[in-house]
C-alpha atoms as a PDB file:
ATOM      1  CA  MET A   1     112.610 -33.873 -11.527  1.00  0.00           C
ATOM      2  CA  LYS A   2     114.248 -32.015 -14.411  1.00  0.00           C
ATOM      3  CA  LYS A   3     115.741 -33.960 -17.294  1.00  0.00           C
ATOM      4  CA  ILE A   4     119.316 -32.831 -17.841  1.00  0.00           C
ATOM      5  CA  GLY A   5     121.792 -33.834 -20.506  1.00  0.00           C
ATOM      6  CA  MET A   6     125.052 -32.572 -21.957  1.00  0.00           C
ATOM      7  CA  VAL A   7     126.408 -31.421 -25.317  1.00  0.00           C
ATOM      8  CA  LEU A   8     129.201 -33.751 -26.450  1.00  0.00           C
ATOM      9  CA  ASP A   9     129.862 -32.063 -29.810  1.00  0.00           C
ATOM     10  CA  ILE A  10     128.696 -29.386 -32.240  1.00  0.00           C
ATOM     11  CA  ASN A  11     128.935 -30.542 -35.878  1.00  0.00           C
ATOM     12  CA  VAL A  12     128.574 -28.655 -39.171  1.00  0.00           C
ATOM     13  CA  SER A  13     128.666 -29.289 -42.916  1.00  0.00           C
ATOM     14  CA  GLU A  14     128.406 -26.929 -45.855  1.00  0.00           C
ATOM     15  CA  LYS A  15     126.392 -29.474 -47.906  1.00  0.00           C
ATOM     16  CA  LYS A  16     123.302 -31.548 -47.071  1.00  0.00           C
ATOM     17  CA  GLY A  17     123.434 -35.354 -46.901  1.00  0.00           C
ATOM     18  CA  VAL A  18     127.077 -35.563 -45.837  1.00  0.00           C
ATOM     19  CA  VAL A  19     128.887 -36.340 -42.600  1.00  0.00           C
ATOM     20  CA  LYS A  20     129.343 -33.270 -40.394  1.00  0.00           C
ATOM     21  CA  LYS A  21     132.632 -32.248 -38.770  1.00  0.00           C
ATOM     22  CA  PRO A  22     132.967 -31.184 -35.111  1.00  0.00           C
ATOM     23  CA  VAL A  23     133.657 -27.518 -34.339  1.00  0.00           C
ATOM     24  CA  GLU A  24     134.678 -25.869 -31.061  1.00  0.00           C
ATOM     25  CA  LYS A  25     131.423 -23.945 -30.669  1.00  0.00           C
ATOM     26  CA  GLY A  26     128.296 -23.162 -32.621  1.00  0.00           C
ATOM     27  CA  ILE A  27     126.571 -19.832 -33.053  1.00  0.00           C
ATOM     28  CA  PHE A  28     122.839 -20.467 -33.233  1.00  0.00           C
ATOM     29  CA  LYS A  29     120.641 -17.726 -34.683  1.00  0.00           C
ATOM     30  CA  GLU A  30     117.024 -17.240 -33.712  1.00  0.00           C
ATOM     31  CA  ASP A  31     114.608 -18.706 -36.299  1.00  0.00           C
ATOM     32  CA  TYR A  32     117.545 -19.725 -38.509  1.00  0.00           C
ATOM     33  CA  GLY A  33     119.724 -22.429 -36.953  1.00  0.00           C
ATOM     34  CA  LEU A  34     123.447 -23.089 -36.769  1.00  0.00           C
ATOM     35  CA  GLU A  35     125.585 -20.511 -38.555  1.00  0.00           C
ATOM     36  CA  GLY A  36     127.602 -22.099 -41.380  1.00  0.00           C
ATOM     37  CA  ASP A  37     125.507 -25.281 -41.601  1.00  0.00           C
ATOM     38  CA  ALA A  38     123.718 -26.430 -44.768  1.00  0.00           C
ATOM     39  CA  HIS A  39     120.481 -27.216 -42.897  1.00  0.00           C
ATOM     40  CA  ALA A  40     120.065 -23.754 -41.366  1.00  0.00           C
ATOM     41  CA  GLY A  41     117.258 -21.603 -42.696  1.00  0.00           C
ATOM     42  CA  LYS A  42     113.714 -20.440 -42.066  1.00  0.00           C
ATOM     43  CA  TRP A  43     112.050 -23.851 -41.747  1.00  0.00           C
ATOM     44  CA  HIS A  44     111.126 -26.377 -39.046  1.00  0.00           C
ATOM     45  CA  ARG A  45     114.312 -28.504 -39.170  1.00  0.00           C
ATOM     46  CA  GLN A  46     116.933 -25.858 -38.364  1.00  0.00           C
ATOM     47  CA  VAL A  47     118.985 -28.009 -35.957  1.00  0.00           C
ATOM     48  CA  SER A  48     119.363 -31.788 -35.700  1.00  0.00           C
ATOM     49  CA  LEU A  49     120.253 -33.643 -32.497  1.00  0.00           C
ATOM     50  CA  LEU A  50     121.255 -37.252 -31.890  1.00  0.00           C
ATOM     51  CA  GLY A  51     122.206 -38.878 -28.599  1.00  0.00           C
ATOM     52  CA  ILE A  52     125.357 -40.883 -27.905  1.00  0.00           C
ATOM     53  CA  GLU A  53     122.881 -43.523 -26.717  1.00  0.00           C
ATOM     54  CA  SER A  54     121.888 -44.015 -30.388  1.00  0.00           C
ATOM     55  CA  TYR A  55     125.554 -44.295 -31.385  1.00  0.00           C
ATOM     56  CA  ARG A  56     125.954 -47.053 -28.778  1.00  0.00           C
ATOM     57  CA  LYS A  57     123.066 -48.981 -30.380  1.00  0.00           C
ATOM     58  CA  MET A  58     124.856 -48.816 -33.735  1.00  0.00           C
ATOM     59  CA  LYS A  59     128.116 -49.981 -32.140  1.00  0.00           C
ATOM     60  CA  ASP A  60     126.209 -52.886 -30.551  1.00  0.00           C
ATOM     61  CA  LEU A  61     125.133 -53.860 -34.088  1.00  0.00           C
ATOM     62  CA  GLY A  62     128.842 -54.216 -34.918  1.00  0.00           C
ATOM     63  CA  ILE A  63     129.372 -50.904 -36.714  1.00  0.00           C
ATOM     64  CA  LYS A  64     132.885 -49.712 -35.927  1.00  0.00           C
ATOM     65  CA  GLY A  65     134.751 -46.418 -36.221  1.00  0.00           C
ATOM     66  CA  LEU A  66     131.826 -44.056 -35.701  1.00  0.00           C
ATOM     67  CA  SER A  67     132.566 -40.406 -34.936  1.00  0.00           C
ATOM     68  CA  HIS A  68     130.242 -37.628 -33.764  1.00  0.00           C
ATOM     69  CA  GLY A  69     128.674 -36.005 -36.819  1.00  0.00           C
ATOM     70  CA  ASP A  70     128.644 -39.254 -38.837  1.00  0.00           C
ATOM     71  CA  PHE A  71     124.833 -39.245 -38.823  1.00  0.00           C
ATOM     72  CA  ALA A  72     124.804 -35.562 -39.892  1.00  0.00           C
ATOM     73  CA  GLU A  73     123.575 -34.330 -36.512  1.00  0.00           C
ATOM     74  CA  ASN A  74     124.388 -30.760 -35.477  1.00  0.00           C
ATOM     75  CA  ILE A  75     124.470 -31.558 -31.760  1.00  0.00           C
ATOM     76  CA  THR A  76     125.631 -34.867 -30.307  1.00  0.00           C
ATOM     77  CA  THR A  77     124.104 -35.230 -26.840  1.00  0.00           C
ATOM     78  CA  GLU A  78     124.267 -37.445 -23.780  1.00  0.00           C
ATOM     79  CA  GLY A  79     121.848 -38.116 -20.947  1.00  0.00           C
ATOM     80  CA  ILE A  80     118.419 -37.501 -22.508  1.00  0.00           C
ATOM     81  CA  ILE A  81     116.572 -40.027 -24.693  1.00  0.00           C
ATOM     82  CA  LEU A  82     115.798 -37.433 -27.343  1.00  0.00           C
ATOM     83  CA  HIS A  83     113.291 -39.384 -29.444  1.00  0.00           C
ATOM     84  CA  GLU A  84     111.049 -39.783 -26.378  1.00  0.00           C
ATOM     85  CA  LEU A  85     110.575 -35.993 -26.097  1.00  0.00           C
ATOM     86  CA  PRO A  86     107.213 -34.815 -27.471  1.00  0.00           C
ATOM     87  CA  VAL A  87     107.081 -32.301 -30.334  1.00  0.00           C
ATOM     88  CA  GLY A  88     106.759 -28.836 -28.764  1.00  0.00           C
ATOM     89  CA  THR A  89     109.201 -29.596 -25.915  1.00  0.00           C
ATOM     90  CA  ARG A  90     111.576 -26.714 -25.258  1.00  0.00           C
ATOM     91  CA  LEU A  91     115.229 -27.303 -24.453  1.00  0.00           C
ATOM     92  CA  ARG A  92     117.762 -24.899 -22.966  1.00  0.00           C
ATOM     93  CA  ILE A  93     121.024 -25.809 -24.714  1.00  0.00           C
ATOM     94  CA  GLY A  94     123.943 -23.601 -23.713  1.00  0.00           C
ATOM     95  CA  GLU A  95     122.763 -20.009 -24.253  1.00  0.00           C
ATOM     96  CA  THR A  96     119.960 -21.067 -26.617  1.00  0.00           C
ATOM     97  CA  ILE A  97     116.376 -22.174 -26.281  1.00  0.00           C
ATOM     98  CA  GLN A  98     115.238 -24.627 -28.942  1.00  0.00           C
ATOM     99  CA  GLU A  99     111.858 -26.222 -29.567  1.00  0.00           C
ATOM    100  CA  VAL A 100     111.426 -29.809 -30.771  1.00  0.00           C
ATOM    101  CA  THR A 101     109.624 -29.704 -34.139  1.00  0.00           C
ATOM    102  CA  GLN A 102     110.057 -33.250 -35.464  1.00  0.00           C
ATOM    103  CA  ILE A 103     111.110 -36.709 -34.283  1.00  0.00           C
ATOM    104  CA  GLY A 104     112.940 -38.714 -36.933  1.00  0.00           C
ATOM    105  CA  LYS A 105     112.811 -38.141 -40.678  1.00  0.00           C
ATOM    106  CA  GLN A 106     112.700 -39.906 -43.962  1.00  0.00           C
ATOM    107  CA  CYS A 107     116.255 -40.791 -44.944  1.00  0.00           C
ATOM    108  CA  HIS A 108     117.710 -39.743 -48.299  1.00  0.00           C
ATOM    109  CA  THR A 109     118.028 -42.911 -50.379  1.00  0.00           C
ATOM    110  CA  GLY A 110     121.682 -43.842 -50.482  1.00  0.00           C
ATOM    111  CA  CYS A 111     122.849 -40.780 -48.559  1.00  0.00           C
ATOM    112  CA  ALA A 112     126.542 -40.527 -47.674  1.00  0.00           C
ATOM    113  CA  ILE A 113     125.783 -41.620 -44.120  1.00  0.00           C
ATOM    114  CA  SER A 114     124.079 -44.903 -44.997  1.00  0.00           C
ATOM    115  CA  GLN A 115     126.713 -45.574 -47.699  1.00  0.00           C
ATOM    116  CA  GLN A 116     129.536 -45.014 -45.232  1.00  0.00           C
ATOM    117  CA  VAL A 117     127.975 -46.536 -42.123  1.00  0.00           C
ATOM    118  CA  GLY A 118     125.674 -49.121 -43.725  1.00  0.00           C
ATOM    119  CA  LYS A 119     122.598 -48.009 -41.802  1.00  0.00           C
ATOM    120  CA  CYS A 120     121.332 -44.711 -40.439  1.00  0.00           C
ATOM    121  CA  ILE A 121     119.707 -44.297 -37.038  1.00  0.00           C
ATOM    122  CA  MET A 122     118.729 -40.661 -37.639  1.00  0.00           C
ATOM    123  CA  PRO A 123     115.332 -41.550 -39.235  1.00  0.00           C
ATOM    124  CA  LYS A 124     114.120 -43.151 -35.999  1.00  0.00           C
ATOM    125  CA  GLU A 125     116.032 -41.495 -33.168  1.00  0.00           C
ATOM    126  CA  GLY A 126     117.241 -38.122 -34.382  1.00  0.00           C
ATOM    127  CA  ILE A 127     115.219 -35.049 -33.483  1.00  0.00           C
ATOM    128  CA  PHE A 128     114.898 -31.613 -35.045  1.00  0.00           C
ATOM    129  CA  THR A 129     114.467 -28.230 -33.427  1.00  0.00           C
ATOM    130  CA  LYS A 130     113.948 -24.618 -34.343  1.00  0.00           C
ATOM    131  CA  VAL A 131     115.923 -21.932 -32.526  1.00  0.00           C
ATOM    132  CA  VAL A 132     113.597 -19.838 -30.337  1.00  0.00           C
ATOM    133  CA  LYS A 133     116.415 -17.887 -28.638  1.00  0.00           C
ATOM    134  CA  GLY A 134     119.844 -17.661 -30.243  1.00  0.00           C
ATOM    135  CA  GLY A 135     123.273 -17.873 -28.627  1.00  0.00           C
ATOM    136  CA  VAL A 136     126.449 -19.912 -28.362  1.00  0.00           C
ATOM    137  CA  VAL A 137     126.540 -23.654 -27.699  1.00  0.00           C
ATOM    138  CA  LYS A 138     129.789 -25.483 -26.984  1.00  0.00           C
ATOM    139  CA  GLN A 139     131.050 -28.872 -25.922  1.00  0.00           C
ATOM    140  CA  GLY A 140     130.184 -29.611 -22.287  1.00  0.00           C
ATOM    141  CA  ASP A 141     127.174 -27.268 -22.162  1.00  0.00           C
ATOM    142  CA  ILE A 142     124.148 -28.444 -20.187  1.00  0.00           C
ATOM    143  CA  ILE A 143     120.896 -29.399 -21.923  1.00  0.00           C
ATOM    144  CA  GLU A 144     117.825 -28.830 -19.791  1.00  0.00           C
ATOM    145  CA  VAL A 145     114.295 -29.919 -20.669  1.00  0.00           C
ATOM    146  CA  LEU A 146     112.075 -26.947 -19.829  1.00  0.00           C
ATOM    147  CA  GLU A 147     108.654 -27.657 -18.303  1.00  0.00           C
END
């Protein structure tokens, strides 16, 4: 049975360590990342993803007023527990194919996200990908885990 999820939002920022703002669609370039985003480049963490399921955990902890992009993720998803995917997993997201390169990360000390939100879930539950095949990704696109 295929794992299928959905893109809730595409988020970008021009600087690292800040909250990202939703955009209508993202143009993802092969071996580069999301056009116009500070984290894009020729490295292993070109795109960051975080599930709405992680947002719900934060809300359950009493954190109010969260918006997609608050944890600096490029793609807010629903329907797949992202941090359970092994490194090397390939995902078809909209027109793109992306490969999981890292689960979680070390958080910047006192980054804008933890200052604003009080705690960041990205270090444990966010995932990072590199773009294997470029294309457009927009809200409502399907995410498919490729076998």
